[in-house]
C-alpha atoms as a PDB file:
ATOM      1  CA  UNK A   1       2.470  19.249   6.687  1.00  0.00           C
ATOM      2  CA  UNK A   2       3.083  16.697   9.148  1.00  0.00           C
ATOM      3  CA  UNK A   3       6.703  15.670  10.129  1.00  0.00           C
ATOM      4  CA  UNK A   4       7.139  12.168   9.063  1.00  0.00           C
ATOM      5  CA  UNK A   5      10.236  11.649  11.039  1.00  0.00           C
ATOM      6  CA  UNK A   6       8.455  12.609  14.177  1.00  0.00           C
ATOM      7  CA  UNK A   7       5.326  10.748  13.315  1.00  0.00           C
ATOM      8  CA  UNK A   8       7.283   7.400  12.971  1.00  0.00           C
ATOM      9  CA  UNK A   9       9.282   7.796  16.111  1.00  0.00           C
ATOM     10  CA  UNK A  10       6.150   8.870  18.063  1.00  0.00           C
ATOM     11  CA  UNK A  11       4.244   5.723  16.692  1.00  0.00           C
ATOM     12  CA  UNK A  12       7.147   3.613  17.985  1.00  0.00           C
ATOM     13  CA  UNK A  13       6.871   5.047  21.396  1.00  0.00           C
ATOM     14  CA  UNK A  14       3.087   4.694  21.363  1.00  0.00           C
ATOM     15  CA  UNK A  15       3.374   0.994  20.804  1.00  0.00           C
ATOM     16  CA  UNK A  16       5.416   0.224  23.763  1.00  0.00           C
ATOM     17  CA  UNK A  17       3.600  -2.108  26.033  1.00  0.00           C
ATOM     18  CA  UNK A  18       1.442  -3.084  23.134  1.00  0.00           C
ATOM     19  CA  UNK A  19       3.594  -4.976  20.866  1.00  0.00           C
ATOM     20  CA  UNK A  20       2.565  -8.517  21.791  1.00  0.00           C
ATOM     21  CA  UNK A  21      -1.106  -7.673  21.829  1.00  0.00           C
ATOM     22  CA  UNK A  22      -0.910  -5.798  18.372  1.00  0.00           C
ATOM     23  CA  UNK A  23       1.100  -8.790  16.915  1.00  0.00           C
ATOM     24  CA  UNK A  24      -1.672 -11.107  18.145  1.00  0.00           C
ATOM     25  CA  UNK A  25      -4.493  -8.926  16.787  1.00  0.00           C
ATOM     26  CA  UNK A  26      -3.040  -8.674  13.371  1.00  0.00           C
ATOM     27  CA  UNK A  27      -1.850 -12.261  12.998  1.00  0.00           C
ATOM     28  CA  UNK A  28      -5.531 -13.454  13.702  1.00  0.00           C
ATOM     29  CA  UNK A  29      -6.963 -10.774  11.480  1.00  0.00           C
ATOM     30  CA  UNK A  30      -4.655 -11.898   8.571  1.00  0.00           C
ATOM     31  CA  UNK A  31      -4.922 -15.532   9.451  1.00  0.00           C
ATOM     32  CA  UNK A  32      -8.725 -15.463   9.205  1.00  0.00           C
ATOM     33  CA  UNK A  33      -8.656 -13.448   5.749  1.00  0.00           C
ATOM     34  CA  UNK A  34      -6.202 -16.168   4.470  1.00  0.00           C
ATOM     35  CA  UNK A  35      -8.276 -19.070   5.756  1.00  0.00           C
ATOM     36  CA  UNK A  36     -11.538 -17.635   4.229  1.00  0.00           C
ATOM     37  CA  UNK A  37      -9.840 -16.931   0.959  1.00  0.00           C
ATOM     38  CA  UNK A  38      -8.733 -20.600   0.657  1.00  0.00           C
ATOM     39  CA  UNK A  39     -12.169 -21.802   0.817  1.00  0.00           C
ATOM     40  CA  UNK A  40     -12.899 -23.323  -2.644  1.00  0.00           C
ATOM     41  CA  UNK A  41     -15.168 -21.474  -4.938  1.00  0.00           C
ATOM     42  CA  UNK A  42     -16.565 -18.854  -2.630  1.00  0.00           C
ATOM     43  CA  UNK A  43     -13.373 -17.847  -0.694  1.00  0.00           C
ATOM     44  CA  UNK A  44     -12.629 -14.761  -2.660  1.00  0.00           C
ATOM     45  CA  UNK A  45     -16.276 -13.364  -2.373  1.00  0.00           C
ATOM     46  CA  UNK A  46     -16.387 -14.226   1.199  1.00  0.00           C
ATOM     47  CA  UNK A  47     -13.147 -12.571   1.964  1.00  0.00           C
ATOM     48  CA  UNK A  48     -14.418  -9.236   0.318  1.00  0.00           C
ATOM     49  CA  UNK A  49     -17.571  -9.367   2.487  1.00  0.00           C
ATOM     50  CA  UNK A  50     -15.504  -9.772   5.837  1.00  0.00           C
ATOM     51  CA  UNK A  51     -12.642  -7.392   4.790  1.00  0.00           C
ATOM     52  CA  UNK A  52     -14.712  -4.175   5.503  1.00  0.00           C
ATOM     53  CA  UNK A  53     -15.934  -5.065   8.989  1.00  0.00           C
ATOM     54  CA  UNK A  54     -12.475  -6.399   9.877  1.00  0.00           C
ATOM     55  CA  UNK A  55     -10.855  -3.253   8.502  1.00  0.00           C
ATOM     56  CA  UNK A  56     -13.179  -1.222  10.887  1.00  0.00           C
ATOM     57  CA  UNK A  57     -12.153  -3.371  13.772  1.00  0.00           C
ATOM     58  CA  UNK A  58      -8.399  -3.044  13.289  1.00  0.00           C
ATOM     59  CA  UNK A  59      -8.858   0.729  12.466  1.00  0.00           C
ATOM     60  CA  UNK A  60     -10.745   0.994  15.968  1.00  0.00           C
ATOM     61  CA  UNK A  61      -7.926  -0.948  17.669  1.00  0.00           C
ATOM     62  CA  UNK A  62      -5.225   1.275  16.236  1.00  0.00           C
ATOM     63  CA  UNK A  63      -6.991   4.369  17.018  1.00  0.00           C
ATOM     64  CA  UNK A  64      -7.462   3.324  20.753  1.00  0.00           C
ATOM     65  CA  UNK A  65      -3.818   2.415  20.791  1.00  0.00           C
ATOM     66  CA  UNK A  66      -2.783   5.887  19.564  1.00  0.00           C
ATOM     67  CA  UNK A  67      -4.857   7.346  22.233  1.00  0.00           C
ATOM     68  CA  UNK A  68      -3.992   5.044  24.771  1.00  0.00           C
ATOM     69  CA  UNK A  69      -7.587   4.176  25.165  1.00  0.00           C
ATOM     70  CA  UNK A  70      -7.415   0.575  26.347  1.00  0.00           C
ATOM     71  CA  UNK A  71      -7.250  -1.215  22.997  1.00  0.00           C
ATOM     72  CA  UNK A  72      -8.685  -4.787  23.232  1.00  0.00           C
ATOM     73  CA  UNK A  73      -8.362  -7.803  21.317  1.00  0.00           C
ATOM     74  CA  UNK A  74     -12.118  -7.844  20.902  1.00  0.00           C
ATOM     75  CA  UNK A  75     -11.923  -4.466  19.027  1.00  0.00           C
ATOM     76  CA  UNK A  76     -11.214  -6.685  15.937  1.00  0.00           C
ATOM     77  CA  UNK A  77     -14.883  -7.732  15.792  1.00  0.00           C
ATOM     78  CA  UNK A  78     -16.241  -4.181  16.226  1.00  0.00           C
ATOM     79  CA  UNK A  79     -17.112  -3.956  12.545  1.00  0.00           C
ATOM     80  CA  UNK A  80     -19.527  -6.874  12.834  1.00  0.00           C
ATOM     81  CA  UNK A  81     -21.376  -5.610  15.925  1.00  0.00           C
ATOM     82  CA  UNK A  82     -22.100  -2.102  14.580  1.00  0.00           C
ATOM     83  CA  UNK A  83     -23.121  -0.645  11.349  1.00  0.00           C
ATOM     84  CA  UNK A  84     -22.246  -3.925   9.609  1.00  0.00           C
ATOM     85  CA  UNK A  85     -24.050  -3.301   6.123  1.00  0.00           C
ATOM     86  CA  UNK A  86     -22.195   0.067   5.736  1.00  0.00           C
ATOM     87  CA  UNK A  87     -19.037  -1.416   6.621  1.00  0.00           C
ATOM     88  CA  UNK A  88     -19.447  -4.068   4.055  1.00  0.00           C
ATOM     89  CA  UNK A  89     -20.627  -1.620   1.438  1.00  0.00           C
ATOM     90  CA  UNK A  90     -17.766   0.923   1.976  1.00  0.00           C
ATOM     91  CA  UNK A  91     -15.315  -1.862   0.983  1.00  0.00           C
ATOM     92  CA  UNK A  92     -17.295  -2.593  -2.238  1.00  0.00           C
ATOM     93  CA  UNK A  93     -17.340   1.081  -2.958  1.00  0.00           C
ATOM     94  CA  UNK A  94     -13.637   1.719  -2.651  1.00  0.00           C
ATOM     95  CA  UNK A  95     -12.359  -1.516  -4.381  1.00  0.00           C
ATOM     96  CA  UNK A  96     -13.793  -1.028  -7.880  1.00  0.00           C
ATOM     97  CA  UNK A  97     -12.655   2.839  -7.839  1.00  0.00           C
ATOM     98  CA  UNK A  98      -9.162   1.876  -6.581  1.00  0.00           C
ATOM     99  CA  UNK A  99      -9.051  -0.986  -9.297  1.00  0.00           C
ATOM    100  CA  UNK A 100      -9.825   1.231 -12.118  1.00  0.00           C
ATOM    101  CA  UNK A 101      -7.749   4.217 -11.036  1.00  0.00           C
ATOM    102  CA  UNK A 102      -4.782   1.880 -10.199  1.00  0.00           C
ATOM    103  CA  UNK A 103      -4.879   0.209 -13.644  1.00  0.00           C
ATOM    104  CA  UNK A 104      -5.032   3.434 -15.496  1.00  0.00           C
ATOM    105  CA  UNK A 105      -2.113   4.831 -13.323  1.00  0.00           C
ATOM    106  CA  UNK A 106      -0.186   1.615 -13.870  1.00  0.00           C
ATOM    107  CA  UNK A 107      -0.462   1.953 -17.672  1.00  0.00           C
ATOM    108  CA  UNK A 108       0.602   5.547 -17.390  1.00  0.00           C
ATOM    109  CA  UNK A 109       3.649   4.881 -15.291  1.00  0.00           C
ATOM    110  CA  UNK A 110       4.611   1.956 -17.535  1.00  0.00           C
ATOM    111  CA  UNK A 111       4.408   4.158 -20.658  1.00  0.00           C
ATOM    112  CA  UNK A 112       6.413   6.859 -18.930  1.00  0.00           C
ATOM    113  CA  UNK A 113       9.063   4.308 -17.963  1.00  0.00           C
ATOM    114  CA  UNK A 114       9.149   2.862 -21.435  1.00  0.00           C
ATOM    115  CA  UNK A 115       9.670   6.393 -22.872  1.00  0.00           C
ATOM    116  CA  UNK A 116      12.476   7.118 -20.493  1.00  0.00           C
ATOM    117  CA  UNK A 117      13.914   3.722 -21.242  1.00  0.00           C
ATOM    118  CA  UNK A 118      13.885   4.499 -25.062  1.00  0.00           C
ATOM    119  CA  UNK A 119      15.553   7.793 -24.367  1.00  0.00           C
ATOM    120  CA  UNK A 120      18.418   6.256 -22.355  1.00  0.00           C
ATOM    121  CA  UNK A 121      18.953   3.552 -25.050  1.00  0.00           C
ATOM    122  CA  UNK A 122      18.951   6.295 -27.829  1.00  0.00           C
ATOM    123  CA  UNK A 123      21.874   7.906 -26.039  1.00  0.00           C
ATOM    124  CA  UNK A 124      23.922   4.943 -24.712  1.00  0.00           C
ATOM    125  CA  UNK A 125      23.037   2.375 -27.360  1.00  0.00           C
ATOM    126  CA  UNK A 126      22.448   4.270 -30.353  1.00  0.00           C
ATOM    127  CA  UNK A 127      22.759   1.410 -32.875  1.00  0.00           C
ATOM    128  CA  UNK A 128      20.271  -0.753 -30.953  1.00  0.00           C
ATOM    129  CA  UNK A 129      17.807   2.268 -30.761  1.00  0.00           C
ATOM    130  CA  UNK A 130      18.155   2.931 -34.580  1.00  0.00           C
ATOM    131  CA  UNK A 131      17.537  -0.785 -35.259  1.00  0.00           C
ATOM    132  CA  UNK A 132      14.510  -0.797 -33.116  1.00  0.00           C
ATOM    133  CA  UNK A 133      13.108   2.492 -34.767  1.00  0.00           C
ATOM    134  CA  UNK A 134      13.933   1.412 -38.214  1.00  0.00           C
ATOM    135  CA  UNK A 135      12.886  -2.055 -38.148  1.00  0.00           C
ATOM    136  CA  UNK A 136      10.640  -2.438 -35.011  1.00  0.00           C
ATOM    137  CA  UNK A 137      12.967  -5.128 -33.915  1.00  0.00           C
ATOM    138  CA  UNK A 138      12.111  -5.551 -30.232  1.00  0.00           C
ATOM    139  CA  UNK A 139      15.020  -7.824 -29.461  1.00  0.00           C
ATOM    140  CA  UNK A 140      17.445  -4.756 -30.127  1.00  0.00           C
ATOM    141  CA  UNK A 141      16.002  -3.228 -26.823  1.00  0.00           C
ATOM    142  CA  UNK A 142      17.453  -6.154 -24.899  1.00  0.00           C
ATOM    143  CA  UNK A 143      21.154  -5.211 -25.878  1.00  0.00           C
ATOM    144  CA  UNK A 144      21.702  -3.675 -22.185  1.00  0.00           C
ATOM    145  CA  UNK A 145      20.851  -6.924 -20.545  1.00  0.00           C
ATOM    146  CA  UNK A 146      22.908  -9.095 -23.206  1.00  0.00           C
ATOM    147  CA  UNK A 147      25.815  -6.705 -22.294  1.00  0.00           C
ATOM    148  CA  UNK A 148      25.953  -7.907 -18.798  1.00  0.00           C
ATOM    149  CA  UNK A 149      29.157 -10.045 -18.216  1.00  0.00           C
ATOM    150  CA  UNK A 150      32.086 -10.400 -16.029  1.00  0.00           C
ATOM    151  CA  UNK A 151      33.387  -7.160 -17.608  1.00  0.00           C
ATOM    152  CA  UNK A 152      30.176  -5.324 -17.240  1.00  0.00           C
ATOM    153  CA  UNK A 153      29.963  -1.704 -18.433  1.00  0.00           C
ATOM    154  CA  UNK A 154      28.752   0.775 -15.855  1.00  0.00           C
ATOM    155  CA  UNK A 155      26.026   1.903 -18.020  1.00  0.00           C
ATOM    156  CA  UNK A 156      24.766  -1.492 -18.458  1.00  0.00           C
ATOM    157  CA  UNK A 157      24.424  -1.939 -14.663  1.00  0.00           C
ATOM    158  CA  UNK A 158      22.651   1.450 -14.265  1.00  0.00           C
ATOM    159  CA  UNK A 159      20.150   0.863 -17.047  1.00  0.00           C
ATOM    160  CA  UNK A 160      19.363  -2.653 -15.740  1.00  0.00           C
ATOM    161  CA  UNK A 161      19.055  -1.387 -12.198  1.00  0.00           C
ATOM    162  CA  UNK A 162      16.624   1.414 -13.566  1.00  0.00           C
ATOM    163  CA  UNK A 163      14.525  -1.029 -15.391  1.00  0.00           C
ATOM    164  CA  UNK A 164      14.112  -3.345 -12.412  1.00  0.00           C
ATOM    165  CA  UNK A 165      13.409  -0.602  -9.870  1.00  0.00           C
ATOM    166  CA  UNK A 166      11.303   1.595 -11.874  1.00  0.00           C
ATOM    167  CA  UNK A 167       9.154  -1.177 -13.397  1.00  0.00           C
ATOM    168  CA  UNK A 168       8.605  -2.625  -9.917  1.00  0.00           C
ATOM    169  CA  UNK A 169       7.445   0.631  -8.623  1.00  0.00           C
ATOM    170  CA  UNK A 170       5.178   0.967 -11.611  1.00  0.00           C
ATOM    171  CA  UNK A 171       3.391  -2.059 -10.528  1.00  0.00           C
ATOM    172  CA  UNK A 172       3.303  -0.995  -6.870  1.00  0.00           C
ATOM    173  CA  UNK A 173       2.961   2.769  -6.639  1.00  0.00           C
ATOM    174  CA  UNK A 174      -0.298   3.214  -8.690  1.00  0.00           C
ATOM    175  CA  UNK A 175      -2.276   1.322  -6.211  1.00  0.00           C
ATOM    176  CA  UNK A 176      -0.821   3.263  -3.323  1.00  0.00           C
ATOM    177  CA  UNK A 177      -1.655   6.507  -5.141  1.00  0.00           C
ATOM    178  CA  UNK A 178      -5.195   5.319  -5.916  1.00  0.00           C
ATOM    179  CA  UNK A 179      -5.988   4.330  -2.520  1.00  0.00           C
ATOM    180  CA  UNK A 180      -4.623   7.450  -0.735  1.00  0.00           C
ATOM    181  CA  UNK A 181      -7.940   9.550  -0.917  1.00  0.00           C
ATOM    182  CA  UNK A 182      -9.796   6.700   0.794  1.00  0.00           C
ATOM    183  CA  UNK A 183      -7.191   5.690   3.428  1.00  0.00           C
ATOM    184  CA  UNK A 184      -9.141   7.136   6.153  1.00  0.00           C
ATOM    185  CA  UNK A 185     -12.422   5.659   5.459  1.00  0.00           C
ATOM    186  CA  UNK A 186     -12.438   2.878   8.049  1.00  0.00           C
ATOM    187  CA  UNK A 187     -10.892   5.057  10.707  1.00  0.00           C
ATOM    188  CA  UNK A 188     -13.935   7.472  10.206  1.00  0.00           C
ATOM    189  CA  UNK A 189     -16.393   4.479  10.352  1.00  0.00           C
ATOM    190  CA  UNK A 190     -14.680   3.089  13.462  1.00  0.00           C
ATOM    191  CA  UNK A 191     -15.338   6.339  15.399  1.00  0.00           C
ATOM    192  CA  UNK A 192     -18.802   6.984  13.949  1.00  0.00           C
ATOM    193  CA  UNK A 193     -21.093   4.027  13.965  1.00  0.00           C
ATOM    194  CA  UNK A 194     -23.822   5.994  12.355  1.00  0.00           C
ATOM    195  CA  UNK A 195     -22.124   7.203   9.252  1.00  0.00           C
ATOM    196  CA  UNK A 196     -23.213   5.532   5.883  1.00  0.00           C
ATOM    197  CA  UNK A 197     -20.666   4.125   3.647  1.00  0.00           C
ATOM    198  CA  UNK A 198     -20.652   6.830   0.861  1.00  0.00           C
ATOM    199  CA  UNK A 199     -20.549   9.598   3.377  1.00  0.00           C
ATOM    200  CA  UNK A 200     -17.448   7.895   5.033  1.00  0.00           C
ATOM    201  CA  UNK A 201     -15.746   7.648   1.618  1.00  0.00           C
ATOM    202  CA  UNK A 202     -16.595  11.305   0.901  1.00  0.00           C
ATOM    203  CA  UNK A 203     -15.354  12.392   4.412  1.00  0.00           C
ATOM    204  CA  UNK A 204     -12.026  10.609   3.744  1.00  0.00           C
ATOM    205  CA  UNK A 205     -11.649  12.257   0.320  1.00  0.00           C
ATOM    206  CA  UNK A 206     -12.042  15.823   2.007  1.00  0.00           C
ATOM    207  CA  UNK A 207      -9.881  14.944   4.954  1.00  0.00           C
ATOM    208  CA  UNK A 208      -6.904  13.955   2.751  1.00  0.00           C
ATOM    209  CA  UNK A 209      -7.104  17.294   0.586  1.00  0.00           C
ATOM    210  CA  UNK A 210      -3.620  18.944   1.255  1.00  0.00           C
ATOM    211  CA  UNK A 211      -2.192  15.793   2.683  1.00  0.00           C
ATOM    212  CA  UNK A 212      -2.013  13.374  -0.238  1.00  0.00           C
ATOM    213  CA  UNK A 213       1.544  14.034  -1.263  1.00  0.00           C
ATOM    214  CA  UNK A 214       2.740  13.947   2.400  1.00  0.00           C
ATOM    215  CA  UNK A 215       0.759  10.627   2.987  1.00  0.00           C
ATOM    216  CA  UNK A 216       2.314   9.425  -0.301  1.00  0.00           C
ATOM    217  CA  UNK A 217       5.837  10.075   0.909  1.00  0.00           C
ATOM    218  CA  UNK A 218       4.972   8.397   4.238  1.00  0.00           C
ATOM    219  CA  UNK A 219       3.835   5.189   2.292  1.00  0.00           C
ATOM    220  CA  UNK A 220       7.006   5.378   0.375  1.00  0.00           C
ATOM    221  CA  UNK A 221       9.039   5.109   3.605  1.00  0.00           C
ATOM    222  CA  UNK A 222       6.871   2.209   4.761  1.00  0.00           C
ATOM    223  CA  UNK A 223       7.518   0.487   1.444  1.00  0.00           C
ATOM    224  CA  UNK A 224      11.172   1.027   1.872  1.00  0.00           C
ATOM    225  CA  UNK A 225      10.846  -0.599   5.374  1.00  0.00           C
ATOM    226  CA  UNK A 226       8.987  -3.480   3.829  1.00  0.00           C
ATOM    227  CA  UNK A 227      11.746  -4.099   1.372  1.00  0.00           C
ATOM    228  CA  UNK A 228      13.978  -4.967   4.172  1.00  0.00           C
ATOM    229  CA  UNK A 229      11.542  -7.636   5.488  1.00  0.00           C
ATOM    230  CA  UNK A 230      13.048 -10.558   3.404  1.00  0.00           C
ATOM    231  CA  UNK A 231      16.302 -10.104   5.373  1.00  0.00           C
ATOM    232  CA  UNK A 232      14.365 -10.964   8.516  1.00  0.00           C
ATOM    233  CA  UNK A 233      13.207 -14.280   6.798  1.00  0.00           C
ATOM    234  CA  UNK A 234       9.813 -12.423   6.632  1.00  0.00           C
ATOM    235  CA  UNK A 235       9.510 -12.902  10.601  1.00  0.00           C
ATOM    236  CA  UNK A 236       9.715  -9.147  10.634  1.00  0.00           C
ATOM    237  CA  UNK A 237       6.213  -8.916   9.206  1.00  0.00           C
ATOM    238  CA  UNK A 238       4.879  -9.741  12.688  1.00  0.00           C
ATOM    239  CA  UNK A 239       6.013  -6.241  13.741  1.00  0.00           C
ATOM    240  CA  UNK A 240       5.865  -4.341  10.487  1.00  0.00           C
ATOM    241  CA  UNK A 241       2.132  -4.935   9.861  1.00  0.00           C
ATOM    242  CA  UNK A 242       0.798  -3.498  13.163  1.00  0.00           C
ATOM    243  CA  UNK A 243       3.352  -0.705  13.162  1.00  0.00           C
ATOM    244  CA  UNK A 244       2.207   0.342   9.721  1.00  0.00           C
ATOM    245  CA  UNK A 245      -1.372   0.313  10.686  1.00  0.00           C
ATOM    246  CA  UNK A 246      -0.638   2.172  13.994  1.00  0.00           C
ATOM    247  CA  UNK A 247       1.435   4.897  11.994  1.00  0.00           C
ATOM    248  CA  UNK A 248      -1.744   5.358   9.598  1.00  0.00           C
ATOM    249  CA  UNK A 249      -3.957   5.712  12.766  1.00  0.00           C
ATOM    250  CA  UNK A 250      -1.638   8.213  14.175  1.00  0.00           C
ATOM    251  CA  UNK A 251      -1.695  10.331  10.961  1.00  0.00           C
ATOM    252  CA  UNK A 252      -5.422  10.059  10.990  1.00  0.00           C
ATOM    253  CA  UNK A 253      -5.639  11.454  14.359  1.00  0.00           C
ATOM    254  CA  UNK A 254      -3.341  14.392  13.494  1.00  0.00           C
ATOM    255  CA  UNK A 255      -5.277  15.436  10.567  1.00  0.00           C
ATOM    256  CA  UNK A 256      -8.698  14.722  11.986  1.00  0.00           C
END
């Protein structure tokens, strides 16, 4: 297993001297995607067409940065210059798979959360639980939220916090988990311009065997860091986005 603490600190060191360039590269990358998406009618489809090649470009940039191999701003366009068709196709292969798996996992997560919520209600708010079970009165499940007042009960606070955090994660984590097997696809395509889309997807799947949970924990850490961004008035995104990509590129180099 890869030591994530070392990986994160090493990635910070690797970015020394490249911060301004990396911020510029990712700012332009996200700006272009946003501008294309804003085109009425066809923006969504066009953004899907260019996302694959741009993902290859930023992947190459990050791999070069990790290897101190003279990353350049022009690397952003690499995916449009080589193997364009497969770079586009890879995105169209991954998106539907992740979408279906993400929705199924999200439903599963929500059902598990609801079951745990009911269990807690049955212990802490017995009357509300019995009212719900007996009459299927859904409003009875809102008792913990109605209990919030100046003299808040500790159990109400804990239950409300559980609901907020667990249900938020239920809408986020399924997509992270669904994408993990394919996370290395565009790094693979950035380094091998002759590989076809399906082979790159399969290679990523095989490469992530034995590393999925470790990479999942890494993404949890990055999500927790992302949760701090609002306290920077979202200016911290300028540093966070390139850093998170470089961390992933560093991870790719270590498992490659």
